N, C-alpha and C. Protein backbone atom coordinates (compact mmCIF):
# COMPACT_ATOMS: atom_id res chain seq x y z
N UNK A 1 107.37 103.62 98.65
CA UNK A 1 107.39 102.18 98.78
C UNK A 1 106.29 101.76 99.75
N UNK A 2 105.64 100.65 99.44
CA UNK A 2 104.68 100.05 100.36
C UNK A 2 105.29 98.77 100.89
N UNK A 3 105.33 98.66 102.20
CA UNK A 3 105.84 97.46 102.86
C UNK A 3 104.68 96.75 103.55
N UNK A 4 104.59 95.44 103.34
CA UNK A 4 103.56 94.61 103.97
C UNK A 4 104.22 93.54 104.83
N UNK A 5 103.60 93.24 105.97
CA UNK A 5 103.98 92.09 106.78
C UNK A 5 102.71 91.28 106.99
N UNK A 6 102.86 89.97 107.02
CA UNK A 6 101.68 89.12 107.19
C UNK A 6 101.98 88.05 108.22
N UNK A 7 101.03 87.85 109.13
CA UNK A 7 101.10 86.76 110.09
C UNK A 7 99.78 86.02 110.05
N UNK A 8 99.83 84.70 110.04
CA UNK A 8 98.63 83.88 110.16
C UNK A 8 98.52 83.45 111.61
N UNK A 9 97.36 83.67 112.21
CA UNK A 9 97.16 83.44 113.64
C UNK A 9 95.97 82.52 113.84
N UNK A 10 96.17 81.48 114.64
CA UNK A 10 95.09 80.53 114.92
C UNK A 10 94.95 80.32 116.43
N UNK A 11 93.74 80.38 116.93
CA UNK A 11 93.41 80.07 118.31
C UNK A 11 94.30 80.68 119.35
N UNK A 12 95.03 79.86 120.08
CA UNK A 12 95.86 80.28 121.21
C UNK A 12 97.08 81.09 120.80
N UNK A 13 97.39 81.13 119.50
CA UNK A 13 98.55 81.89 119.03
C UNK A 13 98.27 83.38 118.89
N UNK A 14 97.08 83.83 119.29
CA UNK A 14 96.71 85.22 119.14
C UNK A 14 97.78 86.13 119.74
N UNK A 15 98.18 87.13 118.97
CA UNK A 15 99.21 88.05 119.43
C UNK A 15 100.62 87.62 119.06
N UNK A 16 100.78 86.44 118.53
CA UNK A 16 102.09 85.92 118.15
C UNK A 16 102.51 86.45 116.79
N UNK A 17 103.81 86.65 116.60
CA UNK A 17 104.30 87.10 115.30
C UNK A 17 105.18 86.04 114.64
N UNK A 18 105.20 84.84 115.17
CA UNK A 18 105.99 83.76 114.56
C UNK A 18 105.46 83.48 113.16
N UNK A 19 106.35 83.20 112.26
CA UNK A 19 105.94 82.88 110.89
C UNK A 19 105.56 84.09 110.07
N UNK A 20 106.00 85.27 110.48
CA UNK A 20 105.67 86.48 109.75
C UNK A 20 106.42 86.51 108.42
N UNK A 21 105.72 86.92 107.36
CA UNK A 21 106.34 87.08 106.05
C UNK A 21 106.22 88.54 105.62
N UNK A 22 107.09 88.94 104.70
CA UNK A 22 107.12 90.33 104.28
C UNK A 22 107.17 90.44 102.77
N UNK A 23 106.68 91.58 102.26
CA UNK A 23 106.77 91.90 100.83
C UNK A 23 106.76 93.42 100.71
N UNK A 24 107.35 93.91 99.63
CA UNK A 24 107.30 95.35 99.39
C UNK A 24 107.29 95.62 97.90
N UNK A 25 106.89 96.84 97.56
CA UNK A 25 106.87 97.27 96.16
C UNK A 25 107.08 98.77 96.12
N UNK A 26 107.75 99.26 95.08
CA UNK A 26 107.95 100.71 94.96
C UNK A 26 106.63 101.41 94.68
N UNK A 27 106.52 102.66 95.11
CA UNK A 27 105.30 103.44 94.86
C UNK A 27 105.34 104.02 93.45
N UNK A 28 105.24 103.11 92.49
CA UNK A 28 105.22 103.47 91.07
C UNK A 28 103.86 103.09 90.50
N UNK A 29 103.26 103.93 89.67
CA UNK A 29 101.94 103.64 89.11
C UNK A 29 101.88 102.22 88.53
N UNK A 30 100.84 101.50 88.92
CA UNK A 30 100.62 100.14 88.43
C UNK A 30 101.26 99.06 89.27
N UNK A 31 102.11 99.42 90.23
CA UNK A 31 102.70 98.39 91.11
C UNK A 31 101.58 97.71 91.89
N UNK A 32 101.74 96.42 92.13
CA UNK A 32 100.69 95.66 92.80
C UNK A 32 101.30 94.63 93.75
N UNK A 33 100.63 94.45 94.88
CA UNK A 33 100.95 93.38 95.83
C UNK A 33 99.64 92.68 96.15
N UNK A 34 99.66 91.35 96.15
CA UNK A 34 98.43 90.59 96.43
C UNK A 34 98.65 89.65 97.60
N UNK A 35 97.55 89.39 98.33
CA UNK A 35 97.53 88.48 99.47
C UNK A 35 96.44 87.45 99.20
N UNK A 36 96.76 86.16 99.35
CA UNK A 36 95.76 85.11 99.16
C UNK A 36 96.41 83.74 99.18
N UNK A 37 95.65 82.73 98.74
CA UNK A 37 96.14 81.35 98.77
C UNK A 37 96.92 80.95 97.52
N UNK A 38 96.80 81.70 96.43
CA UNK A 38 97.41 81.32 95.15
C UNK A 38 98.83 81.88 95.05
N UNK A 39 99.81 81.03 95.26
CA UNK A 39 101.22 81.45 95.25
C UNK A 39 101.68 81.91 93.87
N UNK A 40 100.97 81.57 92.81
CA UNK A 40 101.41 81.97 91.48
C UNK A 40 101.15 83.46 91.21
N UNK A 41 100.26 84.10 91.97
CA UNK A 41 99.96 85.52 91.76
C UNK A 41 100.07 86.37 93.03
N UNK A 42 100.21 85.74 94.19
CA UNK A 42 100.25 86.47 95.46
C UNK A 42 101.66 86.50 96.02
N UNK A 43 102.08 87.67 96.48
CA UNK A 43 103.39 87.80 97.12
C UNK A 43 103.35 87.32 98.57
N UNK A 44 102.20 87.47 99.22
CA UNK A 44 102.00 86.95 100.57
C UNK A 44 100.95 85.86 100.50
N UNK A 45 101.36 84.64 100.89
CA UNK A 45 100.50 83.47 100.68
C UNK A 45 100.10 82.86 102.02
N UNK A 46 98.80 82.62 102.15
CA UNK A 46 98.24 82.00 103.35
C UNK A 46 98.21 80.48 103.17
N UNK A 47 97.99 79.73 104.25
CA UNK A 47 97.88 78.27 104.11
C UNK A 47 96.77 77.89 103.13
N UNK A 48 97.04 76.89 102.29
CA UNK A 48 96.09 76.47 101.26
C UNK A 48 94.76 75.97 101.83
N UNK A 49 94.79 75.40 103.04
CA UNK A 49 93.56 74.85 103.62
C UNK A 49 92.74 75.91 104.37
N UNK A 50 93.18 77.16 104.38
CA UNK A 50 92.42 78.24 105.01
C UNK A 50 91.45 78.79 103.97
N UNK A 51 90.35 78.09 103.77
CA UNK A 51 89.42 78.39 102.70
C UNK A 51 88.61 79.66 102.92
N UNK A 52 88.70 80.26 104.11
CA UNK A 52 88.02 81.55 104.32
C UNK A 52 88.77 82.68 103.60
N UNK A 53 89.98 82.38 103.12
CA UNK A 53 90.77 83.33 102.34
C UNK A 53 90.66 82.92 100.87
N UNK A 54 90.30 83.86 100.02
CA UNK A 54 90.19 83.58 98.59
C UNK A 54 91.56 83.33 97.97
N UNK A 55 91.56 82.76 96.78
CA UNK A 55 92.83 82.54 96.07
C UNK A 55 93.61 83.85 95.96
N UNK A 56 92.91 84.92 95.60
CA UNK A 56 93.47 86.27 95.65
C UNK A 56 92.47 87.09 96.46
N UNK A 57 92.82 87.40 97.68
CA UNK A 57 91.88 88.00 98.63
C UNK A 57 91.99 89.52 98.68
N UNK A 58 93.20 90.02 98.88
CA UNK A 58 93.44 91.46 98.96
C UNK A 58 94.40 91.86 97.84
N UNK A 59 94.12 93.01 97.24
CA UNK A 59 95.02 93.54 96.23
C UNK A 59 95.37 94.98 96.58
N UNK A 60 96.67 95.24 96.72
CA UNK A 60 97.18 96.58 96.95
C UNK A 60 97.68 97.09 95.61
N UNK A 61 97.19 98.25 95.18
CA UNK A 61 97.52 98.80 93.87
C UNK A 61 97.97 100.24 94.02
N UNK A 62 99.07 100.58 93.35
CA UNK A 62 99.59 101.95 93.37
C UNK A 62 98.98 102.73 92.21
N UNK A 63 98.40 103.87 92.53
CA UNK A 63 97.77 104.71 91.53
C UNK A 63 98.75 105.65 90.84
N UNK A 64 98.26 106.45 89.90
CA UNK A 64 99.11 107.34 89.11
C UNK A 64 99.83 108.40 89.94
N UNK A 65 99.31 108.73 91.13
CA UNK A 65 99.92 109.75 91.98
C UNK A 65 100.88 109.17 93.02
N UNK A 66 101.13 107.85 92.96
CA UNK A 66 102.01 107.20 93.93
C UNK A 66 101.31 106.80 95.21
N UNK A 67 99.99 107.04 95.29
CA UNK A 67 99.20 106.61 96.45
C UNK A 67 98.73 105.18 96.27
N UNK A 68 98.49 104.52 97.39
CA UNK A 68 98.08 103.11 97.36
C UNK A 68 96.62 102.96 97.76
N UNK A 69 96.00 101.92 97.23
CA UNK A 69 94.65 101.53 97.62
C UNK A 69 94.63 100.03 97.84
N UNK A 70 93.67 99.58 98.64
CA UNK A 70 93.51 98.14 98.87
C UNK A 70 92.08 97.76 98.50
N UNK A 71 91.94 96.62 97.83
CA UNK A 71 90.64 96.10 97.43
C UNK A 71 90.46 94.70 97.98
N UNK A 72 89.31 94.45 98.60
CA UNK A 72 88.93 93.09 98.97
C UNK A 72 88.24 92.54 97.74
N UNK A 73 88.94 91.73 96.98
CA UNK A 73 88.43 91.21 95.72
C UNK A 73 87.30 90.21 95.95
N UNK A 74 86.30 90.29 95.09
CA UNK A 74 85.20 89.32 95.18
C UNK A 74 85.70 87.97 94.68
N UNK A 75 85.37 86.93 95.43
CA UNK A 75 85.74 85.58 95.05
C UNK A 75 84.62 84.90 94.29
N UNK A 76 84.64 83.58 94.27
CA UNK A 76 83.65 82.81 93.52
C UNK A 76 82.32 82.69 94.26
N UNK A 77 82.30 83.02 95.55
CA UNK A 77 81.07 82.90 96.35
C UNK A 77 80.37 84.26 96.47
N UNK A 78 79.04 84.22 96.54
CA UNK A 78 78.27 85.46 96.72
C UNK A 78 78.49 86.06 98.09
N UNK A 79 78.63 85.20 99.10
CA UNK A 79 78.86 85.64 100.47
C UNK A 79 80.25 85.18 100.90
N UNK A 80 81.04 86.06 101.48
CA UNK A 80 82.39 85.66 101.90
C UNK A 80 82.37 84.83 103.17
N UNK A 81 83.45 84.07 103.39
CA UNK A 81 83.62 83.26 104.59
C UNK A 81 84.44 84.00 105.64
N UNK A 82 84.71 85.28 105.37
CA UNK A 82 85.56 86.07 106.26
C UNK A 82 84.96 87.45 106.47
N UNK A 83 85.50 88.12 107.46
CA UNK A 83 85.24 89.55 107.66
C UNK A 83 86.59 90.24 107.57
N UNK A 84 86.60 91.43 107.01
CA UNK A 84 87.85 92.18 106.86
C UNK A 84 87.68 93.55 107.50
N UNK A 85 88.67 93.94 108.31
CA UNK A 85 88.63 95.28 108.90
C UNK A 85 89.99 95.96 108.73
N UNK A 86 89.94 97.26 108.58
CA UNK A 86 91.11 98.09 108.37
C UNK A 86 91.27 99.02 109.56
N UNK A 87 92.48 99.07 110.11
CA UNK A 87 92.80 99.98 111.19
C UNK A 87 94.02 100.79 110.79
N UNK A 88 93.91 102.11 110.93
CA UNK A 88 95.03 103.01 110.65
C UNK A 88 95.00 104.10 111.72
N UNK A 89 95.90 104.00 112.69
CA UNK A 89 95.90 104.93 113.81
C UNK A 89 94.62 104.81 114.60
N UNK A 90 93.94 105.91 114.82
CA UNK A 90 92.67 105.93 115.55
C UNK A 90 91.48 105.52 114.69
N UNK A 91 91.72 105.41 113.40
CA UNK A 91 90.67 105.14 112.43
C UNK A 91 90.51 103.64 112.21
N UNK A 92 89.29 103.15 112.34
CA UNK A 92 89.01 101.72 112.09
C UNK A 92 87.69 101.61 111.33
N UNK A 93 87.66 100.68 110.40
CA UNK A 93 86.42 100.45 109.64
C UNK A 93 86.40 99.04 109.09
N UNK A 94 85.18 98.48 108.99
CA UNK A 94 85.09 97.21 108.26
C UNK A 94 85.26 97.49 106.78
N UNK A 95 85.85 96.55 106.08
CA UNK A 95 86.01 96.67 104.63
C UNK A 95 84.96 95.75 104.01
N UNK A 96 84.07 96.31 103.22
CA UNK A 96 82.98 95.53 102.62
C UNK A 96 83.52 94.67 101.48
N UNK A 97 82.89 93.53 101.29
CA UNK A 97 83.24 92.57 100.24
C UNK A 97 83.19 93.26 98.88
N UNK A 98 84.30 93.23 98.15
CA UNK A 98 84.35 93.80 96.81
C UNK A 98 84.64 95.29 96.75
N UNK A 99 84.96 95.92 97.89
CA UNK A 99 85.19 97.36 97.88
C UNK A 99 86.68 97.72 97.92
N UNK A 100 86.94 98.98 97.60
CA UNK A 100 88.29 99.53 97.58
C UNK A 100 88.37 100.70 98.54
N UNK A 101 89.49 100.78 99.26
CA UNK A 101 89.74 101.89 100.18
C UNK A 101 91.13 102.44 99.87
N UNK A 102 91.23 103.74 99.81
CA UNK A 102 92.52 104.40 99.57
C UNK A 102 93.26 104.47 100.90
N UNK A 103 94.54 104.10 100.89
CA UNK A 103 95.37 104.18 102.08
C UNK A 103 95.96 105.58 102.19
N UNK A 104 96.08 106.07 103.40
CA UNK A 104 96.63 107.41 103.63
C UNK A 104 98.08 107.45 103.18
N UNK A 105 98.44 108.48 102.45
CA UNK A 105 99.82 108.65 101.96
C UNK A 105 100.77 108.78 103.15
N UNK A 106 101.77 107.92 103.19
CA UNK A 106 102.74 107.96 104.28
C UNK A 106 102.23 107.34 105.57
N UNK A 107 101.13 106.62 105.51
CA UNK A 107 100.54 106.06 106.72
C UNK A 107 100.88 104.60 106.94
N UNK A 108 100.42 104.10 108.07
CA UNK A 108 100.61 102.69 108.41
C UNK A 108 99.34 102.19 109.09
N UNK A 109 99.23 100.89 109.16
CA UNK A 109 98.06 100.30 109.80
C UNK A 109 98.04 98.80 109.64
N UNK A 110 96.85 98.23 109.81
CA UNK A 110 96.70 96.78 109.75
C UNK A 110 95.35 96.43 109.13
N UNK A 111 95.36 95.36 108.36
CA UNK A 111 94.14 94.79 107.81
C UNK A 111 94.05 93.38 108.37
N UNK A 112 92.90 93.06 108.97
CA UNK A 112 92.70 91.74 109.56
C UNK A 112 91.60 91.02 108.79
N UNK A 113 91.94 89.83 108.29
CA UNK A 113 90.97 88.95 107.63
C UNK A 113 90.62 87.88 108.65
N UNK A 114 89.39 87.92 109.16
CA UNK A 114 88.96 87.05 110.25
C UNK A 114 88.02 85.96 109.72
N UNK A 115 88.34 84.72 110.02
CA UNK A 115 87.48 83.59 109.67
C UNK A 115 86.17 83.73 110.44
N UNK A 116 85.04 83.56 109.78
CA UNK A 116 83.74 83.65 110.45
C UNK A 116 83.39 82.39 111.23
N UNK A 117 84.10 81.27 110.96
CA UNK A 117 83.71 80.00 111.57
C UNK A 117 84.72 79.44 112.57
N UNK A 118 85.89 80.05 112.69
CA UNK A 118 86.93 79.52 113.58
C UNK A 118 87.78 80.68 114.10
N UNK A 119 88.46 80.47 115.23
CA UNK A 119 89.29 81.55 115.79
C UNK A 119 90.66 81.62 115.09
N UNK A 120 90.66 82.10 113.87
CA UNK A 120 91.90 82.27 113.12
C UNK A 120 91.78 83.50 112.22
N UNK A 121 92.93 84.09 111.95
CA UNK A 121 92.94 85.31 111.15
C UNK A 121 94.25 85.45 110.39
N UNK A 122 94.21 86.31 109.39
CA UNK A 122 95.38 86.72 108.65
C UNK A 122 95.54 88.21 108.94
N UNK A 123 96.66 88.58 109.53
CA UNK A 123 96.92 89.96 109.91
C UNK A 123 97.98 90.53 108.97
N UNK A 124 97.59 91.58 108.22
CA UNK A 124 98.48 92.19 107.25
C UNK A 124 98.77 93.63 107.71
N UNK A 125 99.99 93.87 108.12
CA UNK A 125 100.40 95.22 108.46
C UNK A 125 100.92 95.91 107.23
N UNK A 126 100.67 97.23 107.15
CA UNK A 126 101.19 97.98 106.00
C UNK A 126 101.85 99.26 106.48
N UNK A 127 102.85 99.67 105.70
CA UNK A 127 103.55 100.93 105.95
C UNK A 127 103.87 101.56 104.61
N UNK A 128 103.33 102.75 104.38
CA UNK A 128 103.59 103.46 103.13
C UNK A 128 104.69 104.47 103.39
N UNK A 129 105.88 104.14 102.92
CA UNK A 129 107.04 105.00 103.11
C UNK A 129 106.97 106.17 102.14
N UNK A 130 107.18 107.38 102.64
CA UNK A 130 107.12 108.56 101.80
C UNK A 130 108.47 108.82 101.17
């Protein structure tokens, strides 16, 4: 099972977990969880006026072996309005626009979508239950 938690953080609220939302999905091939502004396809939905987040920004997909991957989906713009970074334990890396990263089996971490123009972010924690 993959469990996600999401908190939207703006300015002085940094470090706050108020308004946290959660979603999960079984580790079955083809299972998917999405994060973005479009409530019709995303299980975790950000504020509609946070335009630095795409309608469907992050997609978590379970592969045939029960492992999960995350993709920063390309939106309608050539250049994104956000930066995305992945942290898992001691490991941290920026996630490039349009790329996919495999999550460690049984691992946990955080993906931060940071607005390039304002002090606000979407923090998505993940935990892959074995």
